[in-house]
Each structure stands twice: as C-alpha cells, then as structure tokens.
C-alpha cells in the first residue's frame, strides 16, 4: 500500500514493459521520419529542431527511468508478437511525403498517449511529462500544416 495515496502498488509486469518498449520505439521512429521530412524536403529549421527536441525528450524520460534500456530489451519478444505481421492497406500506400509525414505524426501522438497512460502505473510525474509532450507534438503538427498541400 502506498503511504501517500493509500492505493495498492501496481506490479509492473513483463507485458507492461513490452508495451512501454514498443511505444518508446514507435514514438521516436515516427518523430524521426517527420524530422527527416522537415529537414530534407521542407528545409524547415524550426520544425526540424522541434521534432528533434520532442524525440530527445522521450529518450531522456527513458534514460531517467531506466539506467539501462536493457530492462526493456529483455522483455522484447518480436518473434511471438501477434501484431508483428499485421499491416493495413493504407499503411502500405503513401501518395507523397505529406502522407508519410501525416501517418508518422499520428503514430507518434498515439504512442505518446500509450506511454502517458501506462506511466500512470509507474510514475505519475513521467505520465504528466508525456501529456505535456503530446500537446507539444500537437503544436508541431499545427505548424507543419503550412507545409502540407
């Protein structure tokens, strides 16, 4: 029982760590793809910096929470992941770089939301950091709209 909240401590299971690992990766990958579009296609220094900062914020939370990311690596089970081979038709079809940016900013926002929710079980302060980061990514997306056709 937590003396502060009176609630039972939630046991952090291997499954929860797998969710965190997958979404740390997914969020950073999505932001990196967006960063590359901003940098090499739009030549936008401000967007590139904002996207890089958001990606690094996620990495910082990971490093602050886990001295070594190996604790997450040991929970990774790519071979038996039931969602590994599942692809949607839209995922395999992109019309242009704007579609790539849009799909990846959505992927980043969704995965940050997952981290926000699951960190409520681990560290509420980090959950709040993810909430703030998600809203920052919403702002970045709005700025990027001027580059989208």
Protein backbone atom coordinates (compact mmCIF):
# COMPACT_ATOMS: atom_id res chain seq x y z
CA UNK A 1 0.00 0.00 0.00
CA UNK A 2 1.33 3.42 -0.95
CA UNK A 3 1.52 5.65 2.15
CA UNK A 4 0.81 8.77 0.10
CA UNK A 5 -2.18 7.67 -1.96
CA UNK A 6 -3.46 4.70 0.04
CA UNK A 7 -3.65 2.73 -3.21
CA UNK A 8 -2.14 -0.65 -3.84
CA UNK A 9 1.13 -0.54 -5.75
CA UNK A 10 0.73 -1.81 -9.28
CA UNK A 11 3.13 -4.55 -10.14
CA UNK A 12 4.99 -3.72 -13.33
CA UNK A 13 4.69 -6.83 -15.41
CA UNK A 14 6.66 -8.04 -18.38
CA UNK A 15 3.62 -7.25 -20.53
CA UNK A 16 3.54 -3.62 -19.36
CA UNK A 17 7.26 -3.29 -20.05
CA UNK A 18 6.69 -4.72 -23.55
CA UNK A 19 4.05 -2.06 -24.17
CA UNK A 20 6.43 0.64 -22.95
CA UNK A 21 9.30 -0.70 -25.08
CA UNK A 22 7.14 -0.87 -28.23
CA UNK A 23 5.78 2.63 -27.72
CA UNK A 24 9.11 4.23 -26.87
CA UNK A 25 10.37 2.84 -30.17
CA UNK A 26 7.23 3.70 -32.15
CA UNK A 27 7.08 7.29 -30.88
CA UNK A 28 10.73 8.02 -31.59
CA UNK A 29 10.61 6.32 -35.01
CA UNK A 30 7.54 8.34 -36.01
CA UNK A 31 9.08 11.59 -34.89
CA UNK A 32 12.33 10.75 -36.70
CA UNK A 33 10.51 10.18 -40.00
CA UNK A 34 8.74 13.53 -39.55
CA UNK A 35 12.05 15.17 -38.69
CA UNK A 36 13.57 13.90 -41.93
CA UNK A 37 10.67 15.33 -43.97
CA UNK A 38 11.00 18.68 -42.18
CA UNK A 39 14.77 18.72 -42.63
CA UNK A 40 15.36 17.39 -46.14
CA UNK A 41 12.12 18.12 -48.00
CA UNK A 42 10.74 21.25 -46.35
CA UNK A 43 14.15 22.63 -45.30
CA UNK A 44 12.49 23.90 -42.12
CA UNK A 45 14.97 24.57 -39.35
CA UNK A 46 12.29 25.39 -36.73
CA UNK A 47 10.25 22.23 -37.39
CA UNK A 48 13.37 20.09 -37.53
CA UNK A 49 14.51 21.45 -34.16
CA UNK A 50 11.07 20.99 -32.59
CA UNK A 51 10.74 17.40 -33.80
CA UNK A 52 14.26 16.54 -32.69
CA UNK A 53 13.62 18.08 -29.26
CA UNK A 54 10.42 16.06 -28.87
CA UNK A 55 12.23 12.85 -29.83
CA UNK A 56 15.04 13.59 -27.40
CA UNK A 57 12.51 14.30 -24.62
CA UNK A 58 11.19 10.76 -24.97
CA UNK A 59 14.72 9.37 -24.89
CA UNK A 60 15.51 11.44 -21.77
CA UNK A 61 12.49 10.05 -19.90
CA UNK A 62 13.58 6.53 -20.84
CA UNK A 63 17.13 7.10 -19.64
CA UNK A 64 15.98 8.79 -16.41
CA UNK A 65 13.57 5.98 -15.60
CA UNK A 66 15.78 3.07 -16.59
CA UNK A 67 19.53 3.39 -16.08
CA UNK A 68 19.87 0.89 -18.88
CA UNK A 69 17.34 0.28 -21.65
CA UNK A 70 18.30 -3.39 -21.34
CA UNK A 71 15.46 -3.86 -18.85
CA UNK A 72 13.11 -3.17 -21.75
CA UNK A 73 15.11 -5.19 -24.27
CA UNK A 74 14.80 -8.36 -22.21
CA UNK A 75 11.01 -8.09 -22.38
CA UNK A 76 11.02 -7.72 -26.17
CA UNK A 77 9.61 -10.75 -27.95
CA UNK A 78 9.46 -9.91 -31.64
CA UNK A 79 9.00 -13.48 -32.85
CA UNK A 80 5.81 -14.13 -30.91
CA UNK A 81 4.35 -10.63 -31.21
CA UNK A 82 0.82 -11.20 -32.54
CA UNK A 83 0.75 -7.75 -34.18
CA UNK A 84 4.09 -8.06 -35.93
CA UNK A 85 2.89 -9.12 -39.37
CA UNK A 86 -0.39 -7.25 -39.38
CA UNK A 87 -0.46 -4.44 -41.92
CA UNK A 88 -3.33 -2.35 -43.19
CA UNK A 89 -3.71 -1.43 -46.85
CA UNK A 90 -3.33 2.26 -46.06
CA UNK A 91 -0.08 1.54 -44.24
CA UNK A 92 1.44 0.22 -47.45
CA UNK A 93 0.15 3.06 -49.63
CA UNK A 94 1.56 6.55 -49.49
CA UNK A 95 0.87 9.16 -52.16
CA UNK A 96 3.66 11.57 -51.28
CA UNK A 97 5.88 12.84 -48.48
CA UNK A 98 2.92 14.67 -46.92
CA UNK A 99 1.18 11.31 -46.45
CA UNK A 100 4.36 9.97 -44.88
CA UNK A 101 4.56 12.94 -42.51
CA UNK A 102 0.87 12.72 -41.58
CA UNK A 103 0.97 8.98 -40.91
CA UNK A 104 4.06 9.28 -38.77
CA UNK A 105 2.93 12.27 -36.72
CA UNK A 106 -0.25 10.28 -35.95
CA UNK A 107 1.86 7.26 -34.99
CA UNK A 108 3.95 9.44 -32.67
CA UNK A 109 0.92 11.05 -31.00
CA UNK A 110 -0.80 7.70 -30.46
CA UNK A 111 2.27 6.06 -28.98
CA UNK A 112 2.96 9.03 -26.70
CA UNK A 113 -0.62 8.68 -25.46
CA UNK A 114 0.01 5.00 -24.71
CA UNK A 115 3.14 5.94 -22.75
CA UNK A 116 1.19 8.61 -20.90
CA UNK A 117 -1.43 6.06 -19.85
CA UNK A 118 0.92 3.24 -18.85
CA UNK A 119 3.28 5.54 -16.98
CA UNK A 120 0.35 6.25 -14.65
CA UNK A 121 1.16 2.77 -13.31
CA UNK A 122 4.87 3.53 -12.92
CA UNK A 123 5.47 7.23 -12.30
CA UNK A 124 2.76 9.88 -12.40
CA UNK A 125 5.33 12.65 -12.87
CA UNK A 126 6.56 10.99 -16.05
CA UNK A 127 2.96 10.49 -17.15
CA UNK A 128 2.47 14.25 -16.85
CA UNK A 129 5.66 14.80 -18.88
CA UNK A 130 4.18 12.64 -21.64
CA UNK A 131 0.92 14.63 -21.51
CA UNK A 132 2.86 17.87 -22.00
CA UNK A 133 4.92 16.30 -24.76
CA UNK A 134 1.80 15.07 -26.56
CA UNK A 135 0.40 18.60 -26.58
CA UNK A 136 3.76 19.89 -27.83
CA UNK A 137 3.53 17.43 -30.72
CA UNK A 138 0.02 18.75 -31.46
CA UNK A 139 1.56 22.23 -31.73
CA UNK A 140 4.32 20.95 -34.02
CA UNK A 141 1.71 19.28 -36.21
CA UNK A 142 -0.20 22.55 -36.48
CA UNK A 143 2.99 24.38 -37.53
CA UNK A 144 3.62 21.69 -40.16
CA UNK A 145 0.22 22.31 -41.74
CA UNK A 146 1.68 25.25 -43.65
CA UNK A 147 3.96 22.79 -45.45
CA UNK A 148 1.25 20.30 -46.29
CA UNK A 149 -0.61 20.63 -49.59
